[in-house]
């Protein structure tokens, strides 16, 4: 038995070709040694994640992540950029709010919009494109939350850190 990981399809196909060549060579030598025309070994290829090999089963879930990240980052980036251009971000910094509270205030709206959009795309994926949703919804939304938090965190860390005077020391 050979189990190939399809996430790196090029390597998986190369290995599949090697396995097929090995099985074919074995079949020829076995048939010549035993004088039988029948094939003793055969390859049986099964796709575990996408058994019907429909491309929408792997393209649509990727779109969920892509669109969610793009819209969330755009909403958050435009919010910070508009405030920086208008000068209201500097006014925000002199309020009694701590920098952590400012960060939370800038990230939460984008994450709420991203979670709403991801929910809508997941509903469309399951309802319209008929992509099966197997597994726990709680785990899906926990992963979505961590995904959005890391994306928004990387986006907002640099401008906010520069605005509050955090400098980089080397």
Protein backbone atom coordinates (compact mmCIF):
# COMPACT_ATOMS: atom_id res chain seq x y z
CA UNK A 1 0.00 0.00 0.00
CA UNK A 2 1.22 3.47 -0.90
CA UNK A 3 -0.52 6.53 0.50
CA UNK A 4 0.27 9.79 -1.28
CA UNK A 5 -0.43 13.27 0.03
CA UNK A 6 -2.20 15.28 -2.65
CA UNK A 7 -1.34 18.70 -1.20
CA UNK A 8 1.82 18.65 -3.30
CA UNK A 9 0.31 17.24 -6.46
CA UNK A 10 3.51 17.34 -8.54
CA UNK A 11 5.44 15.17 -6.10
CA UNK A 12 2.44 12.89 -5.65
CA UNK A 13 2.15 12.36 -9.40
CA UNK A 14 5.89 11.67 -9.75
CA UNK A 15 5.74 9.10 -6.96
CA UNK A 16 2.58 7.61 -8.46
CA UNK A 17 4.41 7.23 -11.77
CA UNK A 18 7.33 5.49 -10.03
CA UNK A 19 4.95 3.12 -8.21
CA UNK A 20 3.16 2.37 -11.47
CA UNK A 21 6.47 1.62 -13.16
CA UNK A 22 7.51 -0.69 -10.31
CA UNK A 23 4.19 -2.58 -10.43
CA UNK A 24 4.39 -2.91 -14.23
CA UNK A 25 7.96 -4.23 -14.02
CA UNK A 26 6.91 -6.70 -11.31
CA UNK A 27 3.94 -7.88 -13.39
CA UNK A 28 6.12 -8.50 -16.44
CA UNK A 29 8.78 -10.40 -14.53
CA UNK A 30 6.22 -12.43 -12.59
CA UNK A 31 4.29 -13.31 -15.76
CA UNK A 32 7.52 -14.35 -17.51
CA UNK A 33 8.70 -16.44 -14.55
CA UNK A 34 5.39 -18.23 -14.06
CA UNK A 35 4.22 -18.40 -17.66
CA UNK A 36 0.87 -16.74 -16.95
CA UNK A 37 -0.57 -13.90 -18.99
CA UNK A 38 -2.67 -12.68 -16.05
CA UNK A 39 -1.58 -9.67 -14.06
CA UNK A 40 -0.90 -10.56 -10.38
CA UNK A 41 -0.83 -6.98 -9.07
CA UNK A 42 -2.98 -4.00 -10.03
CA UNK A 43 -3.03 -0.38 -9.00
CA UNK A 44 -6.19 0.88 -7.36
CA UNK A 45 -6.25 4.66 -6.97
CA UNK A 46 -8.62 6.18 -4.44
CA UNK A 47 -9.01 9.85 -3.57
CA UNK A 48 -9.96 10.16 0.10
CA UNK A 49 -10.84 13.86 0.32
CA UNK A 50 -12.53 14.22 -3.05
CA UNK A 51 -13.67 10.72 -4.08
CA UNK A 52 -15.71 11.96 -7.07
CA UNK A 53 -12.83 14.20 -8.23
CA UNK A 54 -14.95 17.32 -8.67
CA UNK A 55 -12.81 20.43 -8.89
CA UNK A 56 -15.32 22.61 -7.07
CA UNK A 57 -14.77 20.52 -3.92
CA UNK A 58 -11.29 21.95 -3.52
CA UNK A 59 -11.62 25.30 -5.34
CA UNK A 60 -14.66 26.63 -3.44
CA UNK A 61 -13.19 26.06 0.07
CA UNK A 62 -10.04 27.88 -1.07
CA UNK A 63 -12.19 30.79 -2.21
CA UNK A 64 -13.74 30.93 1.27
CA UNK A 65 -10.33 31.61 2.77
CA UNK A 66 -9.15 33.92 0.00
CA UNK A 67 -12.19 36.20 -0.14
CA UNK A 68 -12.54 36.29 3.62
CA UNK A 69 -8.93 37.36 4.09
CA UNK A 70 -8.98 39.95 1.30
CA UNK A 71 -12.17 41.66 2.46
CA UNK A 72 -11.15 41.59 6.12
CA UNK A 73 -7.74 43.07 5.38
CA UNK A 74 -9.20 45.74 3.10
CA UNK A 75 -11.76 46.84 5.68
CA UNK A 76 -9.15 47.03 8.43
CA UNK A 77 -6.46 48.67 6.29
CA UNK A 78 -8.82 51.30 4.92
CA UNK A 79 -10.03 52.09 8.43
CA UNK A 80 -6.49 52.73 9.68
CA UNK A 81 -5.41 54.55 6.51
CA UNK A 82 -8.42 56.91 6.55
CA UNK A 83 -7.80 57.82 10.17
CA UNK A 84 -4.11 58.38 9.56
CA UNK A 85 -4.82 60.65 6.58
CA UNK A 86 -7.49 62.66 8.41
CA UNK A 87 -5.37 63.00 11.53
CA UNK A 88 -8.01 61.43 13.75
CA UNK A 89 -5.72 58.56 14.65
CA UNK A 90 -3.41 60.98 16.47
CA UNK A 91 -6.43 62.32 18.34
CA UNK A 92 -7.35 58.75 19.25
CA UNK A 93 -3.90 58.25 20.74
CA UNK A 94 -4.32 61.14 23.22
CA UNK A 95 -7.55 59.73 24.60
CA UNK A 96 -7.46 57.67 27.81
CA UNK A 97 -7.57 54.48 25.74
CA UNK A 98 -4.62 52.15 26.06
CA UNK A 99 -2.88 50.99 22.85
CA UNK A 100 -4.28 47.47 23.34
CA UNK A 101 -7.81 48.88 23.40
CA UNK A 102 -7.11 50.83 20.20
CA UNK A 103 -5.84 47.65 18.54
CA UNK A 104 -8.93 45.74 19.61
CA UNK A 105 -11.16 48.55 18.33
CA UNK A 106 -9.44 48.46 14.95
CA UNK A 107 -9.44 44.67 14.53
CA UNK A 108 -12.86 43.61 15.82
CA UNK A 109 -15.00 45.27 13.09
CA UNK A 110 -12.91 43.72 10.33
CA UNK A 111 -13.06 40.31 11.98
CA UNK A 112 -16.85 40.55 12.40
CA UNK A 113 -17.25 41.46 8.72
CA UNK A 114 -14.87 38.61 7.77
CA UNK A 115 -16.76 36.07 9.88
CA UNK A 116 -20.08 37.19 8.39
CA UNK A 117 -18.70 36.97 4.87
CA UNK A 118 -17.14 33.56 5.51
CA UNK A 119 -20.48 32.29 6.86
CA UNK A 120 -22.25 33.53 3.74
CA UNK A 121 -19.69 31.91 1.43
CA UNK A 122 -19.84 28.63 3.39
CA UNK A 123 -23.63 28.61 3.05
CA UNK A 124 -23.29 29.19 -0.71
CA UNK A 125 -20.62 26.51 -0.98
CA UNK A 126 -22.80 23.92 0.74
CA UNK A 127 -26.17 24.99 -0.67
CA UNK A 128 -25.41 26.05 -4.22
CA UNK A 129 -22.13 24.34 -5.12
CA UNK A 130 -23.00 21.22 -3.06
CA UNK A 131 -19.58 20.96 -1.44
CA UNK A 132 -19.97 18.55 1.49
CA UNK A 133 -19.28 20.06 4.89
CA UNK A 134 -17.93 17.29 7.10
CA UNK A 135 -16.57 17.83 10.55
CA UNK A 136 -17.24 20.21 13.37
CA UNK A 137 -18.60 23.70 12.77
CA UNK A 138 -16.97 24.76 16.03
CA UNK A 139 -13.56 23.70 14.75
CA UNK A 140 -14.23 25.47 11.44
CA UNK A 141 -15.08 28.74 13.16
CA UNK A 142 -12.18 28.42 15.61
CA UNK A 143 -9.83 28.01 12.64
CA UNK A 144 -11.53 30.92 10.87
CA UNK A 145 -11.13 33.12 13.96
CA UNK A 146 -7.43 32.28 14.30
CA UNK A 147 -6.91 32.79 10.56
CA UNK A 148 -8.53 36.23 10.62
CA UNK A 149 -6.78 37.20 13.85
CA UNK A 150 -3.36 36.38 12.42
CA UNK A 151 -4.05 38.19 9.13
CA UNK A 152 -5.44 41.31 10.75
CA UNK A 153 -2.78 41.22 13.45
CA UNK A 154 0.03 41.28 10.90
CA UNK A 155 -1.68 44.05 8.96
CA UNK A 156 -2.39 46.35 11.85
CA UNK A 157 0.74 45.79 13.94
CA UNK A 158 3.08 47.91 11.82
CA UNK A 159 1.03 51.12 11.36
CA UNK A 160 -0.30 51.14 14.91
CA UNK A 161 3.11 50.39 16.39
CA UNK A 162 4.57 53.27 14.37
CA UNK A 163 1.78 55.58 15.45
CA UNK A 164 2.13 54.84 19.15
CA UNK A 165 5.87 55.29 19.01
CA UNK A 166 7.12 51.73 19.26
CA UNK A 167 10.52 51.63 17.62
CA UNK A 168 12.50 48.69 16.43
CA UNK A 169 15.87 48.14 18.05
CA UNK A 170 18.50 45.98 16.46
